[in-house]
């Protein structure tokens, strides 16, 4: 099992394109296009399948094999953004947080960041649920945050 976070718009477009292809089957346009060589039906079919292929490619492009702890390292370490601090809190919470008292309020996290940073947080959570501490990028980022941002934690390095 692999968890992938795909934006709603991408998934909605893919579902709409699939529905369009299904409607070609249901209303027999596909049959008219290829059995009866109806040129208008062929144009509709080609257009629908092209759109489906385009949307599928877009959805597949969202499945990035690189750990989100590498891909979003810059955003996580950004000291100038509130979202960066929230992402650091998330990483630290996953990285041994409860043992060290680094509690995290998820509703506050998701309520205070824009959709891009919310997606980053979801990708990190999904990745952690799948790979956990076996993800070397996650372990390295957690360690780096622990040392570099001790001031945020109220600790000395």
N, C-alpha and C. Protein backbone atom coordinates (compact mmCIF):
# COMPACT_ATOMS: atom_id res chain seq x y z
N UNK A 1 0.84 -1.17 0.00
CA UNK A 1 0.00 0.00 0.00
C UNK A 1 0.88 1.24 0.00
N UNK A 2 0.53 2.19 -0.82
CA UNK A 2 1.25 3.46 -0.88
C UNK A 2 0.23 4.57 -0.87
N UNK A 3 0.39 5.53 0.03
CA UNK A 3 -0.53 6.65 0.12
C UNK A 3 -0.02 7.80 -0.71
N UNK A 4 -0.89 8.36 -1.53
CA UNK A 4 -0.53 9.47 -2.40
C UNK A 4 -1.53 10.59 -2.16
N UNK A 5 -1.05 11.78 -1.99
CA UNK A 5 -1.91 12.94 -1.81
C UNK A 5 -2.00 13.65 -3.16
N UNK A 6 -3.22 13.68 -3.71
CA UNK A 6 -3.45 14.31 -5.01
C UNK A 6 -4.45 15.44 -4.81
N UNK A 7 -4.15 16.62 -5.35
CA UNK A 7 -5.09 17.73 -5.18
C UNK A 7 -6.48 17.40 -5.74
N UNK A 8 -7.49 17.94 -5.09
CA UNK A 8 -8.88 17.67 -5.47
C UNK A 8 -9.14 18.03 -6.92
N UNK A 9 -8.61 19.15 -7.39
CA UNK A 9 -8.87 19.57 -8.78
C UNK A 9 -8.33 18.56 -9.78
N UNK A 10 -7.15 18.03 -9.51
CA UNK A 10 -6.56 17.02 -10.40
C UNK A 10 -7.42 15.77 -10.44
N UNK A 11 -7.84 15.33 -9.27
CA UNK A 11 -8.66 14.12 -9.18
C UNK A 11 -10.05 14.34 -9.80
N UNK A 12 -10.62 15.52 -9.61
CA UNK A 12 -11.92 15.85 -10.19
C UNK A 12 -11.85 15.85 -11.71
N UNK A 13 -10.79 16.43 -12.27
CA UNK A 13 -10.62 16.44 -13.72
C UNK A 13 -10.48 15.02 -14.27
N UNK A 14 -9.73 14.18 -13.57
CA UNK A 14 -9.55 12.80 -14.00
C UNK A 14 -10.88 12.06 -13.97
N UNK A 15 -11.65 12.23 -12.91
CA UNK A 15 -12.96 11.57 -12.81
C UNK A 15 -13.91 12.06 -13.91
N UNK A 16 -13.90 13.35 -14.19
CA UNK A 16 -14.77 13.89 -15.25
C UNK A 16 -14.38 13.33 -16.61
N UNK A 17 -13.08 13.22 -16.86
CA UNK A 17 -12.63 12.66 -18.14
C UNK A 17 -13.03 11.20 -18.27
N UNK A 18 -12.93 10.46 -17.18
CA UNK A 18 -13.33 9.04 -17.20
C UNK A 18 -14.84 8.92 -17.43
N UNK A 19 -15.61 9.81 -16.79
CA UNK A 19 -17.07 9.81 -17.00
C UNK A 19 -17.40 10.11 -18.47
N UNK A 20 -16.66 11.01 -19.08
CA UNK A 20 -16.91 11.35 -20.48
C UNK A 20 -16.67 10.14 -21.38
N UNK A 21 -15.63 9.40 -21.11
CA UNK A 21 -15.35 8.19 -21.89
C UNK A 21 -16.46 7.15 -21.64
N UNK A 22 -16.86 7.01 -20.38
CA UNK A 22 -17.94 6.06 -20.07
C UNK A 22 -19.24 6.44 -20.78
N UNK A 23 -19.51 7.73 -20.89
CA UNK A 23 -20.74 8.15 -21.58
C UNK A 23 -20.68 7.81 -23.07
N UNK A 24 -19.48 7.81 -23.65
CA UNK A 24 -19.33 7.41 -25.05
C UNK A 24 -19.73 5.94 -25.24
N UNK A 25 -19.42 5.14 -24.24
CA UNK A 25 -19.81 3.73 -24.29
C UNK A 25 -21.32 3.61 -24.08
N UNK A 26 -21.82 4.33 -23.06
CA UNK A 26 -23.24 4.22 -22.71
C UNK A 26 -24.17 4.69 -23.82
N UNK A 27 -23.82 5.79 -24.49
CA UNK A 27 -24.72 6.30 -25.54
C UNK A 27 -24.37 5.76 -26.93
N UNK A 28 -23.48 4.79 -26.97
CA UNK A 28 -23.09 4.07 -28.18
C UNK A 28 -22.33 4.93 -29.20
N UNK A 29 -21.81 6.07 -28.75
CA UNK A 29 -21.00 6.90 -29.64
C UNK A 29 -19.73 6.15 -30.03
N UNK A 30 -19.15 5.42 -29.08
CA UNK A 30 -17.94 4.66 -29.38
C UNK A 30 -18.20 3.60 -30.45
N UNK A 31 -19.32 2.95 -30.33
CA UNK A 31 -19.70 1.95 -31.34
C UNK A 31 -19.90 2.61 -32.71
N UNK A 32 -20.57 3.75 -32.73
CA UNK A 32 -20.79 4.47 -33.99
C UNK A 32 -19.44 4.89 -34.60
N UNK A 33 -18.52 5.26 -33.74
CA UNK A 33 -17.23 5.77 -34.22
C UNK A 33 -16.42 4.68 -34.89
N UNK A 34 -16.36 3.52 -34.28
CA UNK A 34 -15.42 2.52 -34.78
C UNK A 34 -16.06 1.35 -35.51
N UNK A 35 -17.32 1.09 -35.28
CA UNK A 35 -17.99 0.01 -36.01
C UNK A 35 -18.62 0.58 -37.28
N UNK A 36 -19.22 1.77 -37.15
CA UNK A 36 -19.94 2.36 -38.27
C UNK A 36 -19.17 3.49 -38.95
N UNK A 37 -17.94 3.76 -38.52
CA UNK A 37 -17.07 4.79 -39.10
C UNK A 37 -17.73 6.16 -39.18
N UNK A 38 -18.49 6.51 -38.18
CA UNK A 38 -19.12 7.84 -38.11
C UNK A 38 -18.04 8.85 -37.72
N UNK A 39 -17.71 9.77 -38.62
CA UNK A 39 -16.60 10.71 -38.41
C UNK A 39 -16.84 11.63 -37.20
N UNK A 40 -18.04 12.09 -37.01
CA UNK A 40 -18.33 12.95 -35.86
C UNK A 40 -18.14 12.18 -34.55
N UNK A 41 -18.61 10.95 -34.53
CA UNK A 41 -18.45 10.11 -33.35
C UNK A 41 -16.97 9.81 -33.10
N UNK A 42 -16.20 9.60 -34.18
CA UNK A 42 -14.76 9.37 -34.03
C UNK A 42 -14.08 10.58 -33.42
N UNK A 43 -14.47 11.77 -33.88
CA UNK A 43 -13.88 13.00 -33.34
C UNK A 43 -14.20 13.14 -31.85
N UNK A 44 -15.44 12.82 -31.47
CA UNK A 44 -15.82 12.87 -30.05
C UNK A 44 -15.01 11.86 -29.24
N UNK A 45 -14.85 10.67 -29.77
CA UNK A 45 -14.12 9.63 -29.06
C UNK A 45 -12.64 10.00 -28.90
N UNK A 46 -12.03 10.46 -29.96
CA UNK A 46 -10.62 10.85 -29.91
C UNK A 46 -10.43 11.97 -28.89
N UNK A 47 -11.32 12.95 -28.93
CA UNK A 47 -11.23 14.07 -28.00
C UNK A 47 -11.36 13.60 -26.54
N UNK A 48 -12.32 12.72 -26.28
CA UNK A 48 -12.54 12.23 -24.92
C UNK A 48 -11.36 11.40 -24.43
N UNK A 49 -10.82 10.55 -25.29
CA UNK A 49 -9.67 9.73 -24.88
C UNK A 49 -8.41 10.58 -24.71
N UNK A 50 -8.24 11.61 -25.54
CA UNK A 50 -7.11 12.52 -25.38
C UNK A 50 -7.19 13.24 -24.03
N UNK A 51 -8.40 13.69 -23.69
CA UNK A 51 -8.58 14.39 -22.41
C UNK A 51 -8.31 13.44 -21.24
N UNK A 52 -8.78 12.21 -21.36
CA UNK A 52 -8.53 11.22 -20.31
C UNK A 52 -7.03 10.96 -20.15
N UNK A 53 -6.34 10.82 -21.26
CA UNK A 53 -4.89 10.60 -21.21
C UNK A 53 -4.17 11.79 -20.57
N UNK A 54 -4.61 13.00 -20.92
CA UNK A 54 -4.01 14.21 -20.35
C UNK A 54 -4.24 14.28 -18.84
N UNK A 55 -5.45 14.00 -18.41
CA UNK A 55 -5.76 14.05 -16.99
C UNK A 55 -5.05 12.93 -16.22
N UNK A 56 -4.96 11.76 -16.81
CA UNK A 56 -4.24 10.65 -16.17
C UNK A 56 -2.77 11.00 -16.01
N UNK A 57 -2.19 11.60 -17.03
CA UNK A 57 -0.78 12.01 -16.95
C UNK A 57 -0.60 13.04 -15.84
N UNK A 58 -1.54 13.97 -15.71
CA UNK A 58 -1.48 14.97 -14.64
C UNK A 58 -1.55 14.34 -13.27
N UNK A 59 -2.44 13.36 -13.11
CA UNK A 59 -2.57 12.67 -11.82
C UNK A 59 -1.31 11.86 -11.51
N UNK A 60 -0.77 11.20 -12.51
CA UNK A 60 0.45 10.41 -12.29
C UNK A 60 1.64 11.30 -11.96
N UNK A 61 1.65 12.51 -12.50
CA UNK A 61 2.74 13.44 -12.21
C UNK A 61 2.72 13.86 -10.74
N UNK A 62 1.55 13.76 -10.10
CA UNK A 62 1.44 14.11 -8.68
C UNK A 62 2.09 13.05 -7.80
N UNK A 63 2.26 11.84 -8.31
CA UNK A 63 2.87 10.76 -7.55
C UNK A 63 4.38 10.89 -7.67
N UNK A 64 4.95 11.61 -6.74
CA UNK A 64 6.38 11.85 -6.77
C UNK A 64 7.07 10.84 -5.87
N UNK A 65 8.04 10.15 -6.40
CA UNK A 65 8.70 9.07 -5.66
C UNK A 65 9.66 9.58 -4.59
N UNK A 66 10.05 10.83 -4.67
CA UNK A 66 11.00 11.37 -3.71
C UNK A 66 10.29 11.63 -2.39
N UNK A 67 10.96 11.35 -1.31
CA UNK A 67 10.40 11.59 0.02
C UNK A 67 9.97 13.05 0.15
N UNK A 68 8.78 13.30 0.71
CA UNK A 68 8.37 14.70 0.91
C UNK A 68 9.30 15.43 1.89
N UNK A 69 10.04 14.68 2.67
CA UNK A 69 10.96 15.29 3.62
C UNK A 69 12.20 15.84 2.90
N UNK A 70 12.43 15.37 1.68
CA UNK A 70 13.47 15.95 0.83
C UNK A 70 12.84 17.01 -0.06
N UNK A 71 11.72 16.66 -0.70
CA UNK A 71 11.08 17.53 -1.68
C UNK A 71 10.67 18.87 -1.05
N UNK A 72 10.23 18.86 0.20
CA UNK A 72 9.75 20.08 0.83
C UNK A 72 10.66 20.56 1.96
N UNK A 73 11.90 20.20 1.88
CA UNK A 73 12.88 20.60 2.90
C UNK A 73 12.98 22.13 2.99
N UNK A 74 13.02 22.79 1.85
CA UNK A 74 13.15 24.25 1.82
C UNK A 74 11.97 24.91 2.54
N UNK A 75 10.76 24.49 2.22
CA UNK A 75 9.58 25.06 2.87
C UNK A 75 9.57 24.79 4.37
N UNK A 76 10.03 23.61 4.75
CA UNK A 76 10.04 23.22 6.16
C UNK A 76 11.05 24.04 6.95
N UNK A 77 12.18 24.31 6.36
CA UNK A 77 13.24 25.04 7.06
C UNK A 77 13.13 26.55 6.92
N UNK A 78 12.11 27.04 6.22
CA UNK A 78 11.93 28.48 6.01
C UNK A 78 11.61 29.17 7.34
N UNK A 79 12.56 29.94 7.83
CA UNK A 79 12.38 30.64 9.11
C UNK A 79 11.48 31.86 8.99
N UNK A 80 11.25 32.34 7.77
CA UNK A 80 10.47 33.57 7.60
C UNK A 80 8.97 33.31 7.51
N UNK A 81 8.56 32.08 7.35
CA UNK A 81 7.15 31.78 7.15
C UNK A 81 6.57 31.02 8.35
N UNK A 82 5.36 31.42 8.74
CA UNK A 82 4.66 30.71 9.80
C UNK A 82 4.45 29.24 9.41
N UNK A 83 4.18 29.02 8.12
CA UNK A 83 3.95 27.65 7.65
C UNK A 83 5.20 26.79 7.86
N UNK A 84 6.38 27.38 7.70
CA UNK A 84 7.61 26.63 7.94
C UNK A 84 7.69 26.15 9.37
N UNK A 85 7.34 27.02 10.30
CA UNK A 85 7.35 26.64 11.72
C UNK A 85 6.34 25.52 11.98
N UNK A 86 5.18 25.62 11.35
CA UNK A 86 4.16 24.58 11.51
C UNK A 86 4.65 23.24 10.96
N UNK A 87 5.32 23.29 9.80
CA UNK A 87 5.84 22.04 9.22
C UNK A 87 6.95 21.47 10.09
N UNK A 88 7.79 22.33 10.66
CA UNK A 88 8.84 21.84 11.57
C UNK A 88 8.21 21.17 12.78
N UNK A 89 7.15 21.76 13.29
CA UNK A 89 6.45 21.16 14.43
C UNK A 89 5.91 19.78 14.08
N UNK A 90 5.38 19.67 12.87
CA UNK A 90 4.86 18.38 12.41
C UNK A 90 5.98 17.35 12.34
N UNK A 91 7.09 17.72 11.72
CA UNK A 91 8.22 16.78 11.58
C UNK A 91 8.72 16.36 12.96
N UNK A 92 8.88 17.31 13.85
CA UNK A 92 9.36 16.97 15.20
C UNK A 92 8.37 16.10 15.95
N UNK A 93 7.09 16.35 15.74
CA UNK A 93 6.09 15.51 16.40
C UNK A 93 6.17 14.08 15.90
N UNK A 94 6.35 13.91 14.59
CA UNK A 94 6.50 12.56 14.04
C UNK A 94 7.83 11.95 14.48
N UNK A 95 8.84 12.79 14.61
CA UNK A 95 10.19 12.37 14.96
C UNK A 95 10.35 12.37 16.48
N UNK A 96 9.68 11.48 17.15
CA UNK A 96 9.86 11.31 18.57
C UNK A 96 9.20 12.40 19.39
N UNK A 97 8.15 13.00 18.87
CA UNK A 97 7.54 14.16 19.51
C UNK A 97 6.88 13.92 20.85
N UNK A 98 6.12 12.85 20.96
CA UNK A 98 5.38 12.67 22.20
C UNK A 98 6.31 12.38 23.37
N UNK A 99 7.39 11.69 23.12
CA UNK A 99 8.34 11.40 24.20
C UNK A 99 8.98 12.67 24.73
N UNK A 100 9.13 13.68 23.86
CA UNK A 100 9.79 14.91 24.24
C UNK A 100 8.82 16.04 24.54
N UNK A 101 7.53 15.74 24.54
CA UNK A 101 6.54 16.76 24.86
C UNK A 101 6.30 17.77 23.77
N UNK A 102 6.62 17.46 22.51
CA UNK A 102 6.38 18.38 21.40
C UNK A 102 4.98 18.12 20.85
N UNK A 103 3.99 18.49 21.62
CA UNK A 103 2.62 18.27 21.17
C UNK A 103 2.31 19.07 19.92
N UNK A 104 1.36 18.59 19.16
CA UNK A 104 1.01 19.26 17.91
C UNK A 104 -0.50 19.27 17.79
N UNK A 105 -1.06 20.44 17.56
CA UNK A 105 -2.49 20.59 17.37
C UNK A 105 -2.74 20.60 15.86
N UNK A 106 -3.26 19.49 15.35
CA UNK A 106 -3.47 19.39 13.89
C UNK A 106 -4.49 20.39 13.38
N UNK A 107 -5.53 20.67 14.14
CA UNK A 107 -6.52 21.64 13.66
C UNK A 107 -5.87 23.02 13.56
N UNK A 108 -4.99 23.36 14.49
CA UNK A 108 -4.28 24.65 14.40
C UNK A 108 -3.33 24.64 13.21
N UNK A 109 -2.66 23.52 12.98
CA UNK A 109 -1.75 23.42 11.85
C UNK A 109 -2.49 23.66 10.54
N UNK A 110 -3.55 22.90 10.31
CA UNK A 110 -4.26 23.00 9.04
C UNK A 110 -5.09 24.28 8.94
N UNK A 111 -5.45 24.87 10.07
CA UNK A 111 -6.20 26.11 10.06
C UNK A 111 -5.33 27.33 9.82
N UNK A 112 -4.02 27.17 9.92
CA UNK A 112 -3.14 28.34 9.82
C UNK A 112 -2.24 28.34 8.60
N UNK A 113 -2.36 27.35 7.73
CA UNK A 113 -1.50 27.31 6.55
C UNK A 113 -2.36 27.34 5.28
N UNK A 114 -1.73 27.76 4.19
CA UNK A 114 -2.41 27.81 2.90
C UNK A 114 -2.52 26.39 2.33
N UNK A 115 -3.31 26.21 1.27
CA UNK A 115 -3.51 24.86 0.71
C UNK A 115 -2.20 24.16 0.29
N UNK A 116 -1.23 24.91 -0.22
CA UNK A 116 0.04 24.30 -0.62
C UNK A 116 0.74 23.68 0.59
N UNK A 117 0.82 24.41 1.67
CA UNK A 117 1.50 23.89 2.86
C UNK A 117 0.67 22.81 3.55
N UNK A 118 -0.65 22.89 3.45
CA UNK A 118 -1.50 21.82 3.99
C UNK A 118 -1.23 20.53 3.22
N UNK A 119 -1.06 20.63 1.91
CA UNK A 119 -0.76 19.44 1.11
C UNK A 119 0.61 18.87 1.49
N UNK A 120 1.58 19.75 1.74
CA UNK A 120 2.89 19.28 2.18
C UNK A 120 2.74 18.49 3.48
N UNK A 121 1.99 19.04 4.42
CA UNK A 121 1.78 18.35 5.70
C UNK A 121 1.13 16.99 5.49
N UNK A 122 0.12 16.93 4.62
CA UNK A 122 -0.55 15.65 4.35
C UNK A 122 0.40 14.65 3.70
N UNK A 123 1.23 15.13 2.77
CA UNK A 123 2.20 14.23 2.15
C UNK A 123 3.18 13.69 3.19
N UNK A 124 3.61 14.56 4.10
CA UNK A 124 4.55 14.12 5.14
C UNK A 124 3.89 13.07 6.03
N UNK A 125 2.65 13.33 6.44
CA UNK A 125 1.94 12.36 7.29
C UNK A 125 1.76 11.04 6.56
N UNK A 126 1.34 11.10 5.29
CA UNK A 126 1.14 9.87 4.51
C UNK A 126 2.45 9.11 4.35
N UNK A 127 3.54 9.83 4.06
CA UNK A 127 4.84 9.19 3.91
C UNK A 127 5.28 8.54 5.22
N UNK A 128 5.10 9.27 6.31
CA UNK A 128 5.49 8.72 7.61
C UNK A 128 4.67 7.48 7.96
N UNK A 129 3.37 7.51 7.63
CA UNK A 129 2.53 6.35 7.94
C UNK A 129 2.96 5.12 7.14
N UNK A 130 3.56 5.36 5.99
CA UNK A 130 3.99 4.26 5.13
C UNK A 130 5.41 3.80 5.46
N UNK A 131 6.35 4.73 5.62
CA UNK A 131 7.75 4.37 5.79
C UNK A 131 8.27 4.58 7.21
N UNK A 132 7.67 5.50 7.93
CA UNK A 132 8.09 5.76 9.30
C UNK A 132 9.56 6.14 9.40
N UNK A 133 10.21 5.59 10.37
CA UNK A 133 11.61 5.92 10.62
C UNK A 133 12.57 5.22 9.68
N UNK A 134 12.04 4.46 8.72
CA UNK A 134 12.88 3.85 7.70
C UNK A 134 13.25 4.85 6.61
N UNK A 135 12.59 6.01 6.61
CA UNK A 135 12.87 7.06 5.64
C UNK A 135 14.05 7.88 6.15
N UNK A 136 15.20 7.68 5.55
CA UNK A 136 16.42 8.36 5.99
C UNK A 136 16.29 9.88 5.88
N UNK A 137 15.58 10.35 4.87
CA UNK A 137 15.39 11.80 4.70
C UNK A 137 14.58 12.36 5.86
N UNK A 138 13.58 11.64 6.29
CA UNK A 138 12.77 12.06 7.44
C UNK A 138 13.63 12.12 8.70
N UNK A 139 14.40 11.08 8.95
CA UNK A 139 15.24 11.04 10.15
C UNK A 139 16.26 12.17 10.13
N UNK A 140 16.86 12.43 8.98
CA UNK A 140 17.86 13.49 8.88
C UNK A 140 17.22 14.86 9.09
N UNK A 141 16.05 15.09 8.50
CA UNK A 141 15.38 16.38 8.66
C UNK A 141 14.96 16.59 10.11
N UNK A 142 14.45 15.57 10.74
CA UNK A 142 14.07 15.68 12.15
C UNK A 142 15.26 16.04 13.02
N UNK A 143 16.36 15.39 12.77
CA UNK A 143 17.58 15.66 13.53
C UNK A 143 18.07 17.09 13.28
N UNK A 144 18.04 17.50 12.03
CA UNK A 144 18.48 18.86 11.68
C UNK A 144 17.60 19.91 12.35
N UNK A 145 16.30 19.71 12.30
CA UNK A 145 15.38 20.66 12.93
C UNK A 145 15.62 20.70 14.43
N UNK A 146 15.82 19.56 15.02
CA UNK A 146 16.06 19.47 16.47
C UNK A 146 17.26 20.30 16.87
N UNK A 147 18.31 20.30 16.06
CA UNK A 147 19.54 21.05 16.38
C UNK A 147 19.41 22.51 15.96
N UNK A 148 19.00 22.75 14.72
CA UNK A 148 18.99 24.11 14.17
C UNK A 148 17.89 25.00 14.73
N UNK A 149 16.82 24.41 15.20
CA UNK A 149 15.69 25.21 15.66
C UNK A 149 15.40 24.98 17.14
N UNK A 150 16.43 24.71 17.91
CA UNK A 150 16.28 24.51 19.35
C UNK A 150 15.63 25.73 19.99
N UNK A 151 15.92 26.92 19.45
CA UNK A 151 15.33 28.16 19.99
C UNK A 151 13.80 28.15 19.90
N UNK A 152 13.26 27.51 18.87
CA UNK A 152 11.80 27.42 18.75
C UNK A 152 11.22 26.45 19.78
N UNK A 153 12.04 25.52 20.20
CA UNK A 153 11.58 24.51 21.14
C UNK A 153 11.80 24.96 22.59
N UNK A 154 12.44 26.11 22.75
CA UNK A 154 12.73 26.60 24.09
C UNK A 154 13.85 25.82 24.75
N UNK A 155 14.75 25.30 23.92
CA UNK A 155 15.86 24.50 24.43
C UNK A 155 17.17 25.11 23.99
N UNK A 156 18.23 24.68 24.60
CA UNK A 156 19.57 25.06 24.12
C UNK A 156 20.11 23.88 23.33
N UNK A 157 20.84 24.19 22.27
CA UNK A 157 21.34 23.12 21.39
C UNK A 157 22.44 22.35 22.04
